[in-house]
Amino acid sequence: MKRRSNQPKYFNYKDEKMLSRYIDSYGQIESRGKTGLSAKMQRQLAVAVKRARHIALLPFVAR
């Protein structure tokens, strides 16, 4: 399967700017249909977002 040019190879939980692109206005992680990620990459994204939320780099809910 080909990777799109704008998709990262992996998700770093410390890069909150990149992770915030995959979070909607309500603070929820975007679905695979909207992100265009594979199932494996979507799971990696979810883990990275949850880790970033846990150490307070990302909010749990939007303002």
C-alpha atoms as a PDB file:
ATOM      1  CA  MET A   1       0.000   0.000   0.000  1.00  0.00           C
ATOM      2  CA  LYS A   2       1.332   3.407  -0.947  1.00  0.00           C
ATOM      3  CA  ARG A   3       1.729   6.111   1.640  1.00  0.00           C
ATOM      4  CA  ARG A   4       0.526   9.593   0.753  1.00  0.00           C
ATOM      5  CA  SER A   5       3.195  12.250   0.645  1.00  0.00           C
ATOM      6  CA  ASN A   6       1.627  14.365   3.405  1.00  0.00           C
ATOM      7  CA  GLN A   7       1.326  11.457   5.866  1.00  0.00           C
ATOM      8  CA  PRO A   8       4.076  10.950   8.415  1.00  0.00           C
ATOM      9  CA  LYS A   9       5.985   7.675   8.727  1.00  0.00           C
ATOM     10  CA  TYR A  10       5.219   7.543  12.449  1.00  0.00           C
ATOM     11  CA  PHE A  11       3.520   9.696  15.064  1.00  0.00           C
ATOM     12  CA  ASN A  12       5.583  11.285  17.795  1.00  0.00           C
ATOM     13  CA  TYR A  13       3.496  12.136  20.859  1.00  0.00           C
ATOM     14  CA  LYS A  14       5.731  15.142  21.582  1.00  0.00           C
ATOM     15  CA  ASP A  15       4.838  16.829  18.281  1.00  0.00           C
ATOM     16  CA  GLU A  16       1.547  18.426  19.334  1.00  0.00           C
ATOM     17  CA  LYS A  17       1.404  20.648  16.262  1.00  0.00           C
ATOM     18  CA  MET A  18       1.288  17.642  13.940  1.00  0.00           C
ATOM     19  CA  LEU A  19      -1.131  15.704  16.169  1.00  0.00           C
ATOM     20  CA  SER A  20      -3.517  18.644  16.367  1.00  0.00           C
ATOM     21  CA  ARG A  21      -4.102  18.324  12.595  1.00  0.00           C
ATOM     22  CA  TYR A  22      -5.867  15.016  13.280  1.00  0.00           C
ATOM     23  CA  ILE A  23      -8.130  16.368  16.057  1.00  0.00           C
ATOM     24  CA  ASP A  24     -11.472  18.035  15.272  1.00  0.00           C
ATOM     25  CA  SER A  25     -12.950  21.156  16.854  1.00  0.00           C
ATOM     26  CA  TYR A  26     -14.501  19.109  19.669  1.00  0.00           C
ATOM     27  CA  GLY A  27     -11.177  17.560  20.649  1.00  0.00           C
ATOM     28  CA  GLN A  28     -11.936  14.124  19.198  1.00  0.00           C
ATOM     29  CA  ILE A  29      -9.587  12.121  16.986  1.00  0.00           C
ATOM     30  CA  GLU A  30     -10.703  12.250  13.358  1.00  0.00           C
ATOM     31  CA  SER A  31     -11.974   9.032  11.774  1.00  0.00           C
ATOM     32  CA  ARG A  32     -10.034   6.987   9.230  1.00  0.00           C
ATOM     33  CA  GLY A  33     -12.324   8.228   6.487  1.00  0.00           C
ATOM     34  CA  LYS A  34     -11.349  11.829   7.132  1.00  0.00           C
ATOM     35  CA  THR A  35      -7.665  11.282   7.848  1.00  0.00           C
ATOM     36  CA  GLY A  36      -7.077   8.806   5.030  1.00  0.00           C
ATOM     37  CA  LEU A  37      -4.739   6.758   7.208  1.00  0.00           C
ATOM     38  CA  SER A  38      -4.412   2.988   7.159  1.00  0.00           C
ATOM     39  CA  ALA A  39      -5.736   1.003  10.121  1.00  0.00           C
ATOM     40  CA  LYS A  40      -2.218   0.543  11.497  1.00  0.00           C
ATOM     41  CA  MET A  41      -1.395   4.240  11.244  1.00  0.00           C
ATOM     42  CA  GLN A  42      -4.760   5.196  12.765  1.00  0.00           C
ATOM     43  CA  ARG A  43      -3.996   3.022  15.815  1.00  0.00           C
ATOM     44  CA  GLN A  44      -0.552   4.623  16.129  1.00  0.00           C
ATOM     45  CA  LEU A  45      -2.187   8.047  15.915  1.00  0.00           C
ATOM     46  CA  ALA A  46      -4.654   7.162  18.672  1.00  0.00           C
ATOM     47  CA  VAL A  47      -1.868   5.981  20.984  1.00  0.00           C
ATOM     48  CA  ALA A  48       0.203   9.116  20.311  1.00  0.00           C
ATOM     49  CA  VAL A  49      -2.764  11.434  20.959  1.00  0.00           C
ATOM     50  CA  LYS A  50      -3.634   9.627  24.192  1.00  0.00           C
ATOM     51  CA  ARG A  51      -0.035   9.882  25.400  1.00  0.00           C
ATOM     52  CA  ALA A  52       0.097  13.580  24.532  1.00  0.00           C
ATOM     53  CA  ARG A  53      -3.163  14.155  26.415  1.00  0.00           C
ATOM     54  CA  HIS A  54      -1.862  12.292  29.447  1.00  0.00           C
ATOM     55  CA  ILE A  55       1.199  14.530  29.786  1.00  0.00           C
ATOM     56  CA  ALA A  56      -0.906  17.663  29.048  1.00  0.00           C
ATOM     57  CA  LEU A  57       0.449  18.512  25.601  1.00  0.00           C
ATOM     58  CA  LEU A  58      -3.040  18.222  24.132  1.00  0.00           C
ATOM     59  CA  PRO A  59      -6.358  18.962  25.840  1.00  0.00           C
ATOM     60  CA  PHE A  60      -8.871  16.193  26.540  1.00  0.00           C
ATOM     61  CA  VAL A  61     -11.745  18.432  25.421  1.00  0.00           C
ATOM     62  CA  ALA A  62     -11.892  21.545  23.273  1.00  0.00           C
ATOM     63  CA  ARG A  63     -12.684  24.927  24.753  1.00  0.00           C
END
